[in-house]
Amino acid sequence: MLGTLLGTKGEFLEVLKLFSRGLLNPVIHKVYEFERVAEAQKEMEESRHFGKIVLRL
């Protein structure tokens, strides 16, 4: 799992509040079934996405 850490813990908690109130929404590029994890990984490595790549379990 890859991610980016930015800001303080307090800032992170404030962002979570905005999500919970429906004021922020993640940008979903594509949802892959777990069986297609290799394809999702390749897309991420080649930077062909804008937004989140989601694996459905």
PDB file of N, CA and C in Angstrom:
ATOM      1  N   MET A   1       0.847  -1.164   0.000  1.00  0.00           N
ATOM      2  CA  MET A   1       0.000   0.000   0.000  1.00  0.00           C
ATOM      3  C   MET A   1       0.893   1.227   0.000  1.00  0.00           C
ATOM      4  N   LEU A   2       0.612   2.156  -0.892  1.00  0.00           N
ATOM      5  CA  LEU A   2       1.396   3.377  -0.990  1.00  0.00           C
ATOM      6  C   LEU A   2       0.524   4.566  -0.622  1.00  0.00           C
ATOM      7  N   GLY A   3       1.130   5.559  -0.058  1.00  0.00           N
ATOM      8  CA  GLY A   3       0.403   6.769   0.289  1.00  0.00           C
ATOM      9  C   GLY A   3       1.343   7.924   0.496  1.00  0.00           C
ATOM     10  N   THR A   4       0.776   9.048   0.784  1.00  0.00           N
ATOM     11  CA  THR A   4       1.556  10.251   1.021  1.00  0.00           C
ATOM     12  C   THR A   4       1.152  10.814   2.372  1.00  0.00           C
ATOM     13  N   LEU A   5       2.134  11.197   3.155  1.00  0.00           N
ATOM     14  CA  LEU A   5       1.866  11.804   4.453  1.00  0.00           C
ATOM     15  C   LEU A   5       2.228  13.278   4.379  1.00  0.00           C
ATOM     16  N   LEU A   6       1.256  14.116   4.593  1.00  0.00           N
ATOM     17  CA  LEU A   6       1.478  15.562   4.594  1.00  0.00           C
ATOM     18  C   LEU A   6       0.731  16.177   5.756  1.00  0.00           C
ATOM     19  N   GLY A   7       1.309  17.202   6.341  1.00  0.00           N
ATOM     20  CA  GLY A   7       0.624  17.908   7.405  1.00  0.00           C
ATOM     21  C   GLY A   7       0.775  17.244   8.765  1.00  0.00           C
ATOM     22  N   THR A   8       0.137  17.886   9.722  1.00  0.00           N
ATOM     23  CA  THR A   8       0.202  17.414  11.100  1.00  0.00           C
ATOM     24  C   THR A   8      -0.971  16.478  11.394  1.00  0.00           C
ATOM     25  N   LYS A   9      -0.912  15.824  12.543  1.00  0.00           N
ATOM     26  CA  LYS A   9      -2.011  14.955  12.957  1.00  0.00           C
ATOM     27  C   LYS A   9      -3.292  15.769  13.114  1.00  0.00           C
ATOM     28  N   GLY A  10      -3.170  16.965  13.663  1.00  0.00           N
ATOM     29  CA  GLY A  10      -4.336  17.837  13.841  1.00  0.00           C
ATOM     30  C   GLY A  10      -4.978  18.210  12.510  1.00  0.00           C
ATOM     31  N   GLU A  11      -4.145  18.503  11.504  1.00  0.00           N
ATOM     32  CA  GLU A  11      -4.664  18.822  10.175  1.00  0.00           C
ATOM     33  C   GLU A  11      -5.367  17.609   9.562  1.00  0.00           C
ATOM     34  N   PHE A  12      -4.787  16.444   9.772  1.00  0.00           N
ATOM     35  CA  PHE A  12      -5.387  15.216   9.276  1.00  0.00           C
ATOM     36  C   PHE A  12      -6.769  15.011   9.900  1.00  0.00           C
ATOM     37  N   LEU A  13      -6.879  15.235  11.188  1.00  0.00           N
ATOM     38  CA  LEU A  13      -8.162  15.072  11.865  1.00  0.00           C
ATOM     39  C   LEU A  13      -9.194  16.070  11.342  1.00  0.00           C
ATOM     40  N   GLU A  14      -8.759  17.283  11.027  1.00  0.00           N
ATOM     41  CA  GLU A  14      -9.673  18.281  10.457  1.00  0.00           C
ATOM     42  C   GLU A  14     -10.170  17.843   9.086  1.00  0.00           C
ATOM     43  N   VAL A  15      -9.279  17.274   8.277  1.00  0.00           N
ATOM     44  CA  VAL A  15      -9.673  16.779   6.956  1.00  0.00           C
ATOM     45  C   VAL A  15     -10.670  15.634   7.108  1.00  0.00           C
ATOM     46  N   LEU A  16     -10.452  14.741   8.070  1.00  0.00           N
ATOM     47  CA  LEU A  16     -11.408  13.652   8.309  1.00  0.00           C
ATOM     48  C   LEU A  16     -12.793  14.194   8.644  1.00  0.00           C
ATOM     49  N   LYS A  17     -12.847  15.270   9.407  1.00  0.00           N
ATOM     50  CA  LYS A  17     -14.137  15.885   9.733  1.00  0.00           C
ATOM     51  C   LYS A  17     -14.837  16.375   8.470  1.00  0.00           C
ATOM     52  N   LEU A  18     -14.076  16.968   7.559  1.00  0.00           N
ATOM     53  CA  LEU A  18     -14.664  17.455   6.308  1.00  0.00           C
ATOM     54  C   LEU A  18     -15.218  16.293   5.485  1.00  0.00           C
ATOM     55  N   PHE A  19     -14.479  15.176   5.448  1.00  0.00           N
ATOM     56  CA  PHE A  19     -14.971  13.990   4.750  1.00  0.00           C
ATOM     57  C   PHE A  19     -16.260  13.494   5.385  1.00  0.00           C
ATOM     58  N   SER A  20     -16.285  13.418   6.703  1.00  0.00           N
ATOM     59  CA  SER A  20     -17.454  12.876   7.390  1.00  0.00           C
ATOM     60  C   SER A  20     -18.682  13.760   7.196  1.00  0.00           C
ATOM     61  N   ARG A  21     -18.481  15.060   6.961  1.00  0.00           N
ATOM     62  CA  ARG A  21     -19.590  15.985   6.722  1.00  0.00           C
ATOM     63  C   ARG A  21     -19.968  16.052   5.248  1.00  0.00           C
ATOM     64  N   GLY A  22     -19.266  15.300   4.402  1.00  0.00           N
ATOM     65  CA  GLY A  22     -19.579  15.284   2.976  1.00  0.00           C
ATOM     66  C   GLY A  22     -19.075  16.481   2.213  1.00  0.00           C
ATOM     67  N   LEU A  23     -18.134  17.227   2.808  1.00  0.00           N
ATOM     68  CA  LEU A  23     -17.615  18.426   2.155  1.00  0.00           C
ATOM     69  C   LEU A  23     -16.405  18.144   1.268  1.00  0.00           C
ATOM     70  N   LEU A  24     -15.810  16.976   1.441  1.00  0.00           N
ATOM     71  CA  LEU A  24     -14.705  16.537   0.586  1.00  0.00           C
ATOM     72  C   LEU A  24     -15.016  15.139   0.082  1.00  0.00           C
ATOM     73  N   ASN A  25     -14.642  14.879  -1.150  1.00  0.00           N
ATOM     74  CA  ASN A  25     -14.831  13.553  -1.724  1.00  0.00           C
ATOM     75  C   ASN A  25     -13.561  13.158  -2.461  1.00  0.00           C
ATOM     76  N   PRO A  26     -13.105  11.916  -2.298  1.00  0.00           N
ATOM     77  CA  PRO A  26     -11.908  11.478  -3.014  1.00  0.00           C
ATOM     78  C   PRO A  26     -12.199  11.344  -4.508  1.00  0.00           C
ATOM     79  N   VAL A  27     -11.190  11.576  -5.313  1.00  0.00           N
ATOM     80  CA  VAL A  27     -11.307  11.369  -6.754  1.00  0.00           C
ATOM     81  C   VAL A  27     -10.911   9.915  -7.029  1.00  0.00           C
ATOM     82  N   ILE A  28     -11.854   9.141  -7.555  1.00  0.00           N
ATOM     83  CA  ILE A  28     -11.609   7.742  -7.860  1.00  0.00           C
ATOM     84  C   ILE A  28     -11.325   7.623  -9.358  1.00  0.00           C
ATOM     85  N   HIS A  29     -10.127   7.165  -9.693  1.00  0.00           N
ATOM     86  CA  HIS A  29      -9.769   6.959 -11.095  1.00  0.00           C
ATOM     87  C   HIS A  29     -10.436   5.702 -11.630  1.00  0.00           C
ATOM     88  N   LYS A  30     -10.258   4.587 -10.913  1.00  0.00           N
ATOM     89  CA  LYS A  30     -10.787   3.314 -11.388  1.00  0.00           C
ATOM     90  C   LYS A  30     -10.872   2.333 -10.221  1.00  0.00           C
ATOM     91  N   VAL A  31     -11.870   1.465 -10.285  1.00  0.00           N
ATOM     92  CA  VAL A  31     -12.030   0.403  -9.293  1.00  0.00           C
ATOM     93  C   VAL A  31     -11.735  -0.929  -9.987  1.00  0.00           C
ATOM     94  N   TYR A  32     -10.794  -1.682  -9.428  1.00  0.00           N
ATOM     95  CA  TYR A  32     -10.411  -2.986  -9.964  1.00  0.00           C
ATOM     96  C   TYR A  32     -10.877  -4.085  -9.021  1.00  0.00           C
ATOM     97  N   GLU A  33     -11.306  -5.191  -9.589  1.00  0.00           N
ATOM     98  CA  GLU A  33     -11.536  -6.379  -8.776  1.00  0.00           C
ATOM     99  C   GLU A  33     -10.165  -6.868  -8.308  1.00  0.00           C
ATOM    100  N   PHE A  34     -10.107  -7.483  -7.146  1.00  0.00           N
ATOM    101  CA  PHE A  34      -8.829  -7.886  -6.570  1.00  0.00           C
ATOM    102  C   PHE A  34      -8.042  -8.804  -7.505  1.00  0.00           C
ATOM    103  N   GLU A  35      -8.732  -9.600  -8.285  1.00  0.00           N
ATOM    104  CA  GLU A  35      -8.065 -10.518  -9.209  1.00  0.00           C
ATOM    105  C   GLU A  35      -7.243  -9.780 -10.265  1.00  0.00           C
ATOM    106  N   ARG A  36      -7.509  -8.481 -10.454  1.00  0.00           N
ATOM    107  CA  ARG A  36      -6.791  -7.678 -11.451  1.00  0.00           C
ATOM    108  C   ARG A  36      -5.748  -6.762 -10.793  1.00  0.00           C
ATOM    109  N   VAL A  37      -5.255  -7.164  -9.630  1.00  0.00           N
ATOM    110  CA  VAL A  37      -4.320  -6.338  -8.870  1.00  0.00           C
ATOM    111  C   VAL A  37      -3.055  -6.014  -9.672  1.00  0.00           C
ATOM    112  N   ALA A  38      -2.572  -6.946 -10.483  1.00  0.00           N
ATOM    113  CA  ALA A  38      -1.361  -6.696 -11.268  1.00  0.00           C
ATOM    114  C   ALA A  38      -1.593  -5.578 -12.281  1.00  0.00           C
ATOM    115  N   GLU A  39      -2.765  -5.559 -12.886  1.00  0.00           N
ATOM    116  CA  GLU A  39      -3.102  -4.498 -13.839  1.00  0.00           C
ATOM    117  C   GLU A  39      -3.184  -3.134 -13.134  1.00  0.00           C
ATOM    118  N   ALA A  40      -3.775  -3.133 -11.956  1.00  0.00           N
ATOM    119  CA  ALA A  40      -3.873  -1.895 -11.179  1.00  0.00           C
ATOM    120  C   ALA A  40      -2.485  -1.389 -10.787  1.00  0.00           C
ATOM    121  N   GLN A  41      -1.626  -2.288 -10.368  1.00  0.00           N
ATOM    122  CA  GLN A  41      -0.255  -1.923  -9.987  1.00  0.00           C
ATOM    123  C   GLN A  41       0.485  -1.330 -11.178  1.00  0.00           C
ATOM    124  N   LYS A  42       0.345  -1.944 -12.338  1.00  0.00           N
ATOM    125  CA  LYS A  42       1.021  -1.446 -13.538  1.00  0.00           C
ATOM    126  C   LYS A  42       0.539  -0.047 -13.895  1.00  0.00           C
ATOM    127  N   GLU A  43      -0.755   0.176 -13.809  1.00  0.00           N
ATOM    128  CA  GLU A  43      -1.302   1.496 -14.102  1.00  0.00           C
ATOM    129  C   GLU A  43      -0.728   2.545 -13.144  1.00  0.00           C
ATOM    130  N   MET A  44      -0.622   2.182 -11.880  1.00  0.00           N
ATOM    131  CA  MET A  44      -0.065   3.119 -10.900  1.00  0.00           C
ATOM    132  C   MET A  44       1.418   3.383 -11.181  1.00  0.00           C
ATOM    133  N   GLU A  45       2.179   2.337 -11.455  1.00  0.00           N
ATOM    134  CA  GLU A  45       3.608   2.498 -11.715  1.00  0.00           C
ATOM    135  C   GLU A  45       3.879   3.342 -12.955  1.00  0.00           C
ATOM    136  N   GLU A  46       2.996   3.252 -13.939  1.00  0.00           N
ATOM    137  CA  GLU A  46       3.174   4.014 -15.174  1.00  0.00           C
ATOM    138  C   GLU A  46       2.561   5.411 -15.086  1.00  0.00           C
ATOM    139  N   SER A  47       2.039   5.770 -13.921  1.00  0.00           N
ATOM    140  CA  SER A  47       1.441   7.097 -13.684  1.00  0.00           C
ATOM    141  C   SER A  47       0.385   7.442 -14.724  1.00  0.00           C
ATOM    142  N   ARG A  48      -0.451   6.463 -15.057  1.00  0.00           N
ATOM    143  CA  ARG A  48      -1.514   6.688 -16.034  1.00  0.00           C
ATOM    144  C   ARG A  48      -2.833   7.081 -15.368  1.00  0.00           C
ATOM    145  N   HIS A  49      -2.787   7.379 -14.102  1.00  0.00           N
ATOM    146  CA  HIS A  49      -4.026   7.658 -13.379  1.00  0.00           C
ATOM    147  C   HIS A  49      -4.046   9.071 -12.820  1.00  0.00           C
ATOM    148  N   PHE A  50      -5.262   9.555 -12.582  1.00  0.00           N
ATOM    149  CA  PHE A  50      -5.483  10.778 -11.834  1.00  0.00           C
ATOM    150  C   PHE A  50      -6.504  10.415 -10.779  1.00  0.00           C
ATOM    151  N   GLY A  51      -6.116  10.471  -9.549  1.00  0.00           N
ATOM    152  CA  GLY A  51      -7.015  10.076  -8.468  1.00  0.00           C
ATOM    153  C   GLY A  51      -6.614   8.724  -7.910  1.00  0.00           C
ATOM    154  N   LYS A  52      -7.508   8.156  -7.165  1.00  0.00           N
ATOM    155  CA  LYS A  52      -7.240   6.913  -6.449  1.00  0.00           C
ATOM    156  C   LYS A  52      -7.525   5.688  -7.309  1.00  0.00           C
ATOM    157  N   ILE A  53      -6.680   4.686  -7.148  1.00  0.00           N
ATOM    158  CA  ILE A  53      -6.925   3.374  -7.729  1.00  0.00           C
ATOM    159  C   ILE A  53      -7.408   2.496  -6.581  1.00  0.00           C
ATOM    160  N   VAL A  54      -8.587   1.922  -6.739  1.00  0.00           N
ATOM    161  CA  VAL A  54      -9.234   1.182  -5.661  1.00  0.00           C
ATOM    162  C   VAL A  54      -9.276  -0.297  -6.025  1.00  0.00           C
ATOM    163  N   LEU A  55      -8.969  -1.140  -5.042  1.00  0.00           N
ATOM    164  CA  LEU A  55      -9.113  -2.583  -5.196  1.00  0.00           C
ATOM    165  C   LEU A  55     -10.337  -3.040  -4.412  1.00  0.00           C
ATOM    166  N   ARG A  56     -11.240  -3.724  -5.111  1.00  0.00           N
ATOM    167  CA  ARG A  56     -12.431  -4.255  -4.451  1.00  0.00           C
ATOM    168  C   ARG A  56     -12.126  -5.662  -3.950  1.00  0.00           C
ATOM    169  N   LEU A  57     -12.286  -5.872  -2.646  1.00  0.00           N
ATOM    170  CA  LEU A  57     -12.016  -7.187  -2.038  1.00  0.00           C
ATOM    171  C   LEU A  57     -13.254  -8.038  -2.018  1.00  0.00           C
TER     172      LEU A  57
END
